[in-house]
C-alpha atoms as a PDB file:
ATOM      1  CA  MET A   1       2.895 -20.881  23.754  1.00  0.00           C
ATOM      2  CA  SER A   2       5.330 -23.733  24.612  1.00  0.00           C
ATOM      3  CA  GLY A   3       5.987 -27.048  23.748  1.00  0.00           C
ATOM      4  CA  ARG A   4       4.531 -26.631  20.119  1.00  0.00           C
ATOM      5  CA  SER A   5       5.664 -29.007  17.297  1.00  0.00           C
ATOM      6  CA  GLN A   6       4.581 -28.955  13.286  1.00  0.00           C
ATOM      7  CA  ARG A   7       4.769 -31.586  10.591  1.00  0.00           C
ATOM      8  CA  VAL A   8       4.129 -31.250   6.956  1.00  0.00           C
ATOM      9  CA  LEU A   9       1.995 -33.414   4.879  1.00  0.00           C
ATOM     10  CA  PHE A  10       2.324 -33.366   1.615  1.00  0.00           C
ATOM     11  CA  GLU A  11       0.937 -36.324  -1.325  1.00  0.00           C
ATOM     12  CA  GLY A  12       0.724 -38.682   1.698  1.00  0.00           C
ATOM     13  CA  ALA A  13       4.157 -38.308   3.174  1.00  0.00           C
ATOM     14  CA  THR A  14       4.686 -37.342   6.401  1.00  0.00           C
ATOM     15  CA  SER A  15       7.871 -35.278   7.618  1.00  0.00           C
ATOM     16  CA  ASP A  16       9.412 -35.526  10.753  1.00  0.00           C
ATOM     17  CA  SER A  17       8.217 -33.466  13.677  1.00  0.00           C
ATOM     18  CA  PHE A  18      10.006 -30.719  14.521  1.00  0.00           C
ATOM     19  CA  TYR A  19      10.030 -28.057  17.788  1.00  0.00           C
ATOM     20  CA  LEU A  20       8.682 -24.642  16.960  1.00  0.00           C
ATOM     21  CA  ARG A  21      10.614 -21.930  19.141  1.00  0.00           C
ATOM     22  CA  PHE A  22       8.927 -18.872  17.318  1.00  0.00           C
ATOM     23  CA  GLY A  23       5.695 -17.691  15.554  1.00  0.00           C
ATOM     24  CA  VAL A  24       2.043 -18.845  16.610  1.00  0.00           C
ATOM     25  CA  PRO A  25      -0.242 -20.714  14.481  1.00  0.00           C
ATOM     26  CA  GLN A  26      -1.588 -19.226  11.602  1.00  0.00           C
ATOM     27  CA  GLY A  27      -5.295 -18.184  11.996  1.00  0.00           C
ATOM     28  CA  SER A  28      -5.391 -18.175  15.770  1.00  0.00           C
ATOM     29  CA  TRP A  29      -7.117 -15.718  17.601  1.00  0.00           C
ATOM     30  CA  LEU A  30      -4.420 -14.811  19.595  1.00  0.00           C
ATOM     31  CA  GLY A  31      -2.282 -14.046  16.575  1.00  0.00           C
ATOM     32  CA  PRO A  32      -3.295 -10.345  16.029  1.00  0.00           C
ATOM     33  CA  LEU A  33      -3.050  -9.446  19.744  1.00  0.00           C
ATOM     34  CA  LEU A  34       0.364 -11.279  19.904  1.00  0.00           C
ATOM     35  CA  PHE A  35       1.395  -9.285  16.667  1.00  0.00           C
ATOM     36  CA  VAL A  36       0.626  -5.834  17.888  1.00  0.00           C
ATOM     37  CA  VAL A  37       2.383  -6.548  21.182  1.00  0.00           C
ATOM     38  CA  TYR A  38       5.577  -8.034  18.919  1.00  0.00           C
ATOM     39  CA  ALA A  39       5.365  -4.587  16.822  1.00  0.00           C
ATOM     40  CA  SER A  40       5.070  -2.243  19.399  1.00  0.00           C
ATOM     41  CA  LYS A  41       8.609  -1.408  19.850  1.00  0.00           C
ATOM     42  CA  LEU A  42       8.280  -0.365  16.248  1.00  0.00           C
ATOM     43  CA  PHE A  43       6.862   3.463  17.374  1.00  0.00           C
ATOM     44  CA  GLU A  44       9.191   3.478  20.076  1.00  0.00           C
ATOM     45  CA  ILE A  45      12.304   3.806  17.851  1.00  0.00           C
ATOM     46  CA  ILE A  46      10.153   6.001  15.417  1.00  0.00           C
ATOM     47  CA  LYS A  47       9.664   8.111  18.297  1.00  0.00           C
ATOM     48  CA  VAL A  48      13.184   8.615  18.904  1.00  0.00           C
ATOM     49  CA  HIS A  49      13.916  10.289  15.754  1.00  0.00           C
ATOM     50  CA  LEU A  50      10.946  12.260  15.725  1.00  0.00           C
ATOM     51  CA  LEU A  51       9.151  10.981  12.727  1.00  0.00           C
ATOM     52  CA  ASN A  52       5.684  10.058  12.273  1.00  0.00           C
ATOM     53  CA  ALA A  53       4.534   6.980  11.087  1.00  0.00           C
ATOM     54  CA  HIS A  54       1.513   4.953   9.947  1.00  0.00           C
ATOM     55  CA  CYS A  55       0.936   1.291  10.095  1.00  0.00           C
ATOM     56  CA  PHE A  56      -1.446  -1.358   8.286  1.00  0.00           C
ATOM     57  CA  ALA A  57      -0.711  -4.491   9.506  1.00  0.00           C
ATOM     58  CA  ASP A  58       2.851  -5.306   8.309  1.00  0.00           C
ATOM     59  CA  ASP A  59       3.059  -2.499   6.014  1.00  0.00           C
ATOM     60  CA  THR A  60       4.581   0.533   7.519  1.00  0.00           C
ATOM     61  CA  GLN A  61       5.043   4.088   6.249  1.00  0.00           C
ATOM     62  CA  LEU A  62       7.718   6.747   7.633  1.00  0.00           C
ATOM     63  CA  ARG A  63       6.698  10.517   7.095  1.00  0.00           C
ATOM     64  CA  LEU A  64       8.793  13.502   7.549  1.00  0.00           C
ATOM     65  CA  SER A  65       7.927  17.223   6.815  1.00  0.00           C
ATOM     66  CA  PHE A  66      10.983  19.570   5.996  1.00  0.00           C
ATOM     67  CA  ASN A  67      11.325  23.234   4.653  1.00  0.00           C
ATOM     68  CA  PRO A  68      12.108  22.987   0.916  1.00  0.00           C
ATOM     69  CA  ASN A  69      13.754  26.524   1.076  1.00  0.00           C
ATOM     70  CA  SER A  70      16.285  25.256   2.984  1.00  0.00           C
ATOM     71  CA  PRO A  71      19.365  22.924   1.884  1.00  0.00           C
ATOM     72  CA  THR A  72      20.235  22.249   5.524  1.00  0.00           C
ATOM     73  CA  ASN A  73      16.834  21.590   6.517  1.00  0.00           C
ATOM     74  CA  GLN A  74      16.376  18.756   3.667  1.00  0.00           C
ATOM     75  CA  VAL A  75      19.729  17.132   4.561  1.00  0.00           C
ATOM     76  CA  LYS A  76      18.816  16.669   8.296  1.00  0.00           C
ATOM     77  CA  ALA A  77      15.419  15.071   7.363  1.00  0.00           C
ATOM     78  CA  LEU A  78      17.288  12.715   5.178  1.00  0.00           C
ATOM     79  CA  GLU A  79      19.621  12.002   7.579  1.00  0.00           C
ATOM     80  CA  ALA A  80      17.074  11.588  10.469  1.00  0.00           C
ATOM     81  CA  MET A  81      15.041   9.407   8.016  1.00  0.00           C
ATOM     82  CA  GLU A  82      18.235   6.968   7.381  1.00  0.00           C
ATOM     83  CA  ARG A  83      18.986   6.930  11.129  1.00  0.00           C
ATOM     84  CA  CYS A  84      15.697   5.715  11.763  1.00  0.00           C
ATOM     85  CA  ILE A  85      15.569   3.092   9.092  1.00  0.00           C
ATOM     86  CA  SER A  86      18.966   1.912  10.572  1.00  0.00           C
ATOM     87  CA  ASP A  87      17.774   1.319  13.946  1.00  0.00           C
ATOM     88  CA  LEU A  88      14.658  -0.672  12.402  1.00  0.00           C
ATOM     89  CA  ARG A  89      16.876  -2.949  10.783  1.00  0.00           C
ATOM     90  CA  LYS A  90      18.833  -3.427  13.845  1.00  0.00           C
ATOM     91  CA  TRP A  91      15.543  -4.153  15.861  1.00  0.00           C
ATOM     92  CA  MET A  92      14.249  -6.481  12.972  1.00  0.00           C
ATOM     93  CA  TYR A  93      17.363  -8.736  12.758  1.00  0.00           C
ATOM     94  CA  GLN A  94      17.482  -8.977  16.844  1.00  0.00           C
ATOM     95  CA  ASP A  95      13.535 -10.190  16.505  1.00  0.00           C
ATOM     96  CA  LYS A  96      13.749 -12.516  13.529  1.00  0.00           C
ATOM     97  CA  LEU A  97      12.457 -10.156  10.913  1.00  0.00           C
ATOM     98  CA  LYS A  98      13.614  -9.045   7.557  1.00  0.00           C
ATOM     99  CA  ILE A  99      13.237  -5.850   5.686  1.00  0.00           C
ATOM    100  CA  ASN A 100      12.618  -5.885   2.069  1.00  0.00           C
ATOM    101  CA  ASP A 101      14.944  -3.415   0.845  1.00  0.00           C
ATOM    102  CA  ASP A 102      13.820  -4.056  -2.824  1.00  0.00           C
ATOM    103  CA  LYS A 103      10.464  -3.011  -2.154  1.00  0.00           C
ATOM    104  CA  SER A 104      10.910  -0.073  -0.043  1.00  0.00           C
ATOM    105  CA  GLU A 105      10.025   3.279  -1.698  1.00  0.00           C
ATOM    106  CA  PHE A 106      10.606   6.929  -1.437  1.00  0.00           C
ATOM    107  CA  LEU A 107       8.041   9.622  -2.199  1.00  0.00           C
ATOM    108  CA  VAL A 108       8.519  13.447  -1.787  1.00  0.00           C
ATOM    109  CA  ILE A 109       5.137  14.949  -1.799  1.00  0.00           C
ATOM    110  CA  GLY A 110       4.734  18.940  -2.058  1.00  0.00           C
ATOM    111  CA  LEU A 111       3.319  21.779  -4.632  1.00  0.00           C
ATOM    112  CA  ARG A 112       5.122  21.714  -8.054  1.00  0.00           C
ATOM    113  CA  GLN A 113       6.868  25.059  -7.052  1.00  0.00           C
ATOM    114  CA  GLN A 114       8.301  23.357  -3.839  1.00  0.00           C
ATOM    115  CA  LEU A 115       9.487  20.144  -5.434  1.00  0.00           C
ATOM    116  CA  LEU A 116      11.619  22.379  -8.053  1.00  0.00           C
ATOM    117  CA  LYS A 117      13.102  23.957  -4.773  1.00  0.00           C
ATOM    118  CA  ILE A 118      14.353  20.362  -3.635  1.00  0.00           C
ATOM    119  CA  ASN A 119      17.987  19.354  -4.826  1.00  0.00           C
ATOM    120  CA  HIS A 120      18.200  15.312  -5.643  1.00  0.00           C
ATOM    121  CA  CYS A 121      18.008  13.240  -2.913  1.00  0.00           C
ATOM    122  CA  SER A 122      18.286   9.499  -2.087  1.00  0.00           C
ATOM    123  CA  VAL A 123      17.496   7.719   1.012  1.00  0.00           C
ATOM    124  CA  ARG A 124      19.905   4.944   1.980  1.00  0.00           C
ATOM    125  CA  VAL A 125      19.011   1.502   3.267  1.00  0.00           C
ATOM    126  CA  ASP A 126      21.546  -0.811   4.180  1.00  0.00           C
ATOM    127  CA  MET A 127      23.538  -0.837   0.997  1.00  0.00           C
ATOM    128  CA  ILE A 128      21.050   0.307  -1.232  1.00  0.00           C
ATOM    129  CA  ASP A 129      20.170   3.984  -2.410  1.00  0.00           C
ATOM    130  CA  ILE A 130      16.365   4.473  -2.826  1.00  0.00           C
ATOM    131  CA  ASN A 131      15.576   7.255  -5.265  1.00  0.00           C
ATOM    132  CA  PRO A 132      12.437   9.141  -4.757  1.00  0.00           C
ATOM    133  CA  VAL A 133       9.580   7.935  -7.211  1.00  0.00           C
ATOM    134  CA  LYS A 134       6.880  10.085  -8.978  1.00  0.00           C
ATOM    135  CA  VAL A 135       4.055   7.531  -8.266  1.00  0.00           C
ATOM    136  CA  ALA A 136       3.830   5.194  -5.395  1.00  0.00           C
ATOM    137  CA  ARG A 137       1.060   2.906  -4.335  1.00  0.00           C
ATOM    138  CA  ASN A 138      -0.599   3.174  -0.912  1.00  0.00           C
ATOM    139  CA  LEU A 139      -3.044   0.714   0.395  1.00  0.00           C
ATOM    140  CA  GLY A 140      -4.615   0.736  -3.194  1.00  0.00           C
ATOM    141  CA  ALA A 141      -4.810   4.297  -3.775  1.00  0.00           C
ATOM    142  CA  TRP A 142      -1.967   5.756  -6.517  1.00  0.00           C
ATOM    143  CA  PHE A 143      -0.175   8.764  -4.844  1.00  0.00           C
ATOM    144  CA  VAL A 144       2.076  11.246  -6.930  1.00  0.00           C
ATOM    145  CA  SER A 145       4.284  13.596  -5.657  1.00  0.00           C
ATOM    146  CA  HIS A 146       2.418  16.858  -6.377  1.00  0.00           C
ATOM    147  CA  PHE A 147      -0.549  14.873  -4.730  1.00  0.00           C
ATOM    148  CA  SER A 148      -2.682  15.014  -7.904  1.00  0.00           C
ATOM    149  CA  MET A 149      -5.300  12.206  -7.927  1.00  0.00           C
ATOM    150  CA  SER A 150      -5.602  12.003 -11.486  1.00  0.00           C
ATOM    151  CA  THR A 151      -3.248   9.007 -11.626  1.00  0.00           C
ATOM    152  CA  HIS A 152      -5.320   7.217  -9.288  1.00  0.00           C
ATOM    153  CA  ASN A 153      -8.692   8.146 -11.243  1.00  0.00           C
ATOM    154  CA  SER A 154      -7.088   6.823 -14.308  1.00  0.00           C
ATOM    155  CA  LYS A 155      -5.787   3.714 -12.835  1.00  0.00           C
ATOM    156  CA  SER A 156      -9.147   3.123 -11.510  1.00  0.00           C
ATOM    157  CA  CYS A 157     -11.015   3.571 -14.539  1.00  0.00           C
ATOM    158  CA  SER A 158      -8.694   1.501 -16.527  1.00  0.00           C
ATOM    159  CA  VAL A 159      -9.386  -1.296 -14.246  1.00  0.00           C
ATOM    160  CA  ALA A 160     -12.854  -0.706 -14.144  1.00  0.00           C
ATOM    161  CA  PHE A 161     -13.306  -0.964 -18.155  1.00  0.00           C
ATOM    162  CA  PHE A 162     -10.830  -4.161 -18.129  1.00  0.00           C
ATOM    163  CA  TRP A 163     -13.525  -6.003 -16.122  1.00  0.00           C
ATOM    164  CA  LEU A 164     -16.515  -4.095 -17.908  1.00  0.00           C
ATOM    165  CA  HIS A 165     -15.047  -5.529 -21.222  1.00  0.00           C
ATOM    166  CA  ASN A 166     -14.736  -9.126 -19.554  1.00  0.00           C
ATOM    167  CA  ILE A 167     -18.166  -8.932 -18.145  1.00  0.00           C
ATOM    168  CA  LYS A 168     -19.985  -8.104 -21.568  1.00  0.00           C
ATOM    169  CA  ARG A 169     -18.511 -11.326 -23.043  1.00  0.00           C
ATOM    170  CA  ILE A 170     -20.597 -13.442 -20.746  1.00  0.00           C
ATOM    171  CA  SER A 171     -23.294 -11.011 -20.186  1.00  0.00           C
ATOM    172  CA  HIS A 172     -25.932 -13.217 -22.247  1.00  0.00           C
ATOM    173  CA  PHE A 173     -25.284 -16.083 -19.748  1.00  0.00           C
ATOM    174  CA  LEU A 174     -26.347 -14.241 -16.882  1.00  0.00           C
ATOM    175  CA  PRO A 175     -29.814 -12.899 -15.545  1.00  0.00           C
ATOM    176  CA  ARG A 176     -30.229  -9.677 -14.855  1.00  0.00           C
ATOM    177  CA  ASP A 177     -30.186  -9.485 -11.226  1.00  0.00           C
ATOM    178  CA  LYS A 178     -26.711 -11.460 -11.263  1.00  0.00           C
ATOM    179  CA  LEU A 179     -25.258  -9.158 -13.890  1.00  0.00           C
ATOM    180  CA  GLU A 180     -26.327  -6.373 -11.663  1.00  0.00           C
ATOM    181  CA  MET A 181     -24.180  -8.179  -8.642  1.00  0.00           C
ATOM    182  CA  VAL A 182     -21.416  -8.980 -10.833  1.00  0.00           C
ATOM    183  CA  LEU A 183     -21.240  -5.210 -12.234  1.00  0.00           C
ATOM    184  CA  HIS A 184     -21.489  -3.715  -8.863  1.00  0.00           C
ATOM    185  CA  ALA A 185     -18.509  -6.519  -7.539  1.00  0.00           C
ATOM    186  CA  PHE A 186     -16.184  -5.904 -10.162  1.00  0.00           C
ATOM    187  CA  VAL A 187     -16.855  -2.465 -11.815  1.00  0.00           C
ATOM    188  CA  THR A 188     -18.387   0.056  -9.640  1.00  0.00           C
ATOM    189  CA  SER A 189     -16.477  -1.232  -6.643  1.00  0.00           C
ATOM    190  CA  LYS A 190     -13.193  -0.001  -8.306  1.00  0.00           C
ATOM    191  CA  ILE A 191     -14.201   3.567  -8.941  1.00  0.00           C
ATOM    192  CA  ASP A 192     -15.902   3.694  -5.292  1.00  0.00           C
ATOM    193  CA  TYR A 193     -12.802   2.749  -3.754  1.00  0.00           C
ATOM    194  CA  CYS A 194     -11.122   5.766  -1.579  1.00  0.00           C
ATOM    195  CA  ASN A 195     -13.680   7.809  -3.074  1.00  0.00           C
ATOM    196  CA  GLY A 196     -13.178  10.270  -0.443  1.00  0.00           C
ATOM    197  CA  LEU A 197      -9.829  11.219  -2.062  1.00  0.00           C
ATOM    198  CA  LEU A 198     -11.496  12.121  -5.180  1.00  0.00           C
ATOM    199  CA  TYR A 199     -13.109  15.237  -3.647  1.00  0.00           C
ATOM    200  CA  GLY A 200     -12.730  18.205  -5.381  1.00  0.00           C
ATOM    201  CA  LEU A 201     -11.312  16.501  -8.716  1.00  0.00           C
ATOM    202  CA  PRO A 202     -12.155  18.753 -12.018  1.00  0.00           C
ATOM    203  CA  ASP A 203     -14.733  18.269 -14.244  1.00  0.00           C
ATOM    204  CA  CYS A 204     -12.729  16.420 -16.769  1.00  0.00           C
ATOM    205  CA  GLU A 205     -11.611  13.795 -14.223  1.00  0.00           C
ATOM    206  CA  ILE A 206     -15.040  13.422 -13.169  1.00  0.00           C
ATOM    207  CA  ALA A 207     -16.133  12.737 -16.613  1.00  0.00           C
ATOM    208  CA  LYS A 208     -13.941   9.493 -16.643  1.00  0.00           C
ATOM    209  CA  LEU A 209     -15.844   8.109 -13.886  1.00  0.00           C
ATOM    210  CA  GLN A 210     -19.040   9.100 -15.275  1.00  0.00           C
ATOM    211  CA  ARG A 211     -18.177   7.461 -18.747  1.00  0.00           C
ATOM    212  CA  VAL A 212     -17.355   3.961 -16.549  1.00  0.00           C
ATOM    213  CA  GLN A 213     -20.876   4.335 -15.104  1.00  0.00           C
ATOM    214  CA  ASN A 214     -22.746   5.172 -18.193  1.00  0.00           C
ATOM    215  CA  ALA A 215     -21.070   2.098 -19.861  1.00  0.00           C
ATOM    216  CA  ALA A 216     -21.798  -0.189 -16.852  1.00  0.00           C
ATOM    217  CA  ALA A 217     -25.574   1.246 -16.877  1.00  0.00           C
ATOM    218  CA  ARG A 218     -25.903   0.496 -20.828  1.00  0.00           C
ATOM    219  CA  LEU A 219     -24.703  -3.127 -20.433  1.00  0.00           C
ATOM    220  CA  LEU A 220     -27.386  -3.923 -17.767  1.00  0.00           C
ATOM    221  CA  MET A 221     -29.943  -2.155 -19.489  1.00  0.00           C
ATOM    222  CA  SER A 222     -29.220  -4.161 -22.816  1.00  0.00           C
ATOM    223  CA  CYS A 223     -30.122  -7.464 -21.148  1.00  0.00           C
END
């Protein structure tokens, strides 16, 4: 972990060697373990503010519930969120990390009746006020404020039809077994992703998924 240096080779020219004080070699087997150790303090800071968190690699989500019938409860929840973010920024600055304020999103989730009771709110991150969004992407799944999966379903079907249209243009160049592999890789995988979240969808939403499958089957059988 010490005594490491690095040089850059570009178009036959090599830079001077410089000493590495931070970081680990990219792709090293020790890298993931050291990252977990490095980021472990993140949960200690969050725990102080009584928030919940979900992390996937370097993507961190803070969660906090509050009673929409109580304006005071809403204010306290926002203050706790802002204090936690402020402390996280201080920790990141000390440990040579940088939070991307422009990519931070704020989503309020609840029933439609509950959302109507909530006053307009925003979360302040450094000098930026982040207003709540209606739709946010979470690890490839689209979440909306009233937690309907119709947006995620529609976007998945749209992407699947995009790939289906492009595959159709080259389908006559592919043998049937290869075409089947391509359809599974680029079309059916789109509607299968996070399909556990689609449980209980109404028939009109299930019909959208069925249209994608029918179109893929027709293309495959036509070859």
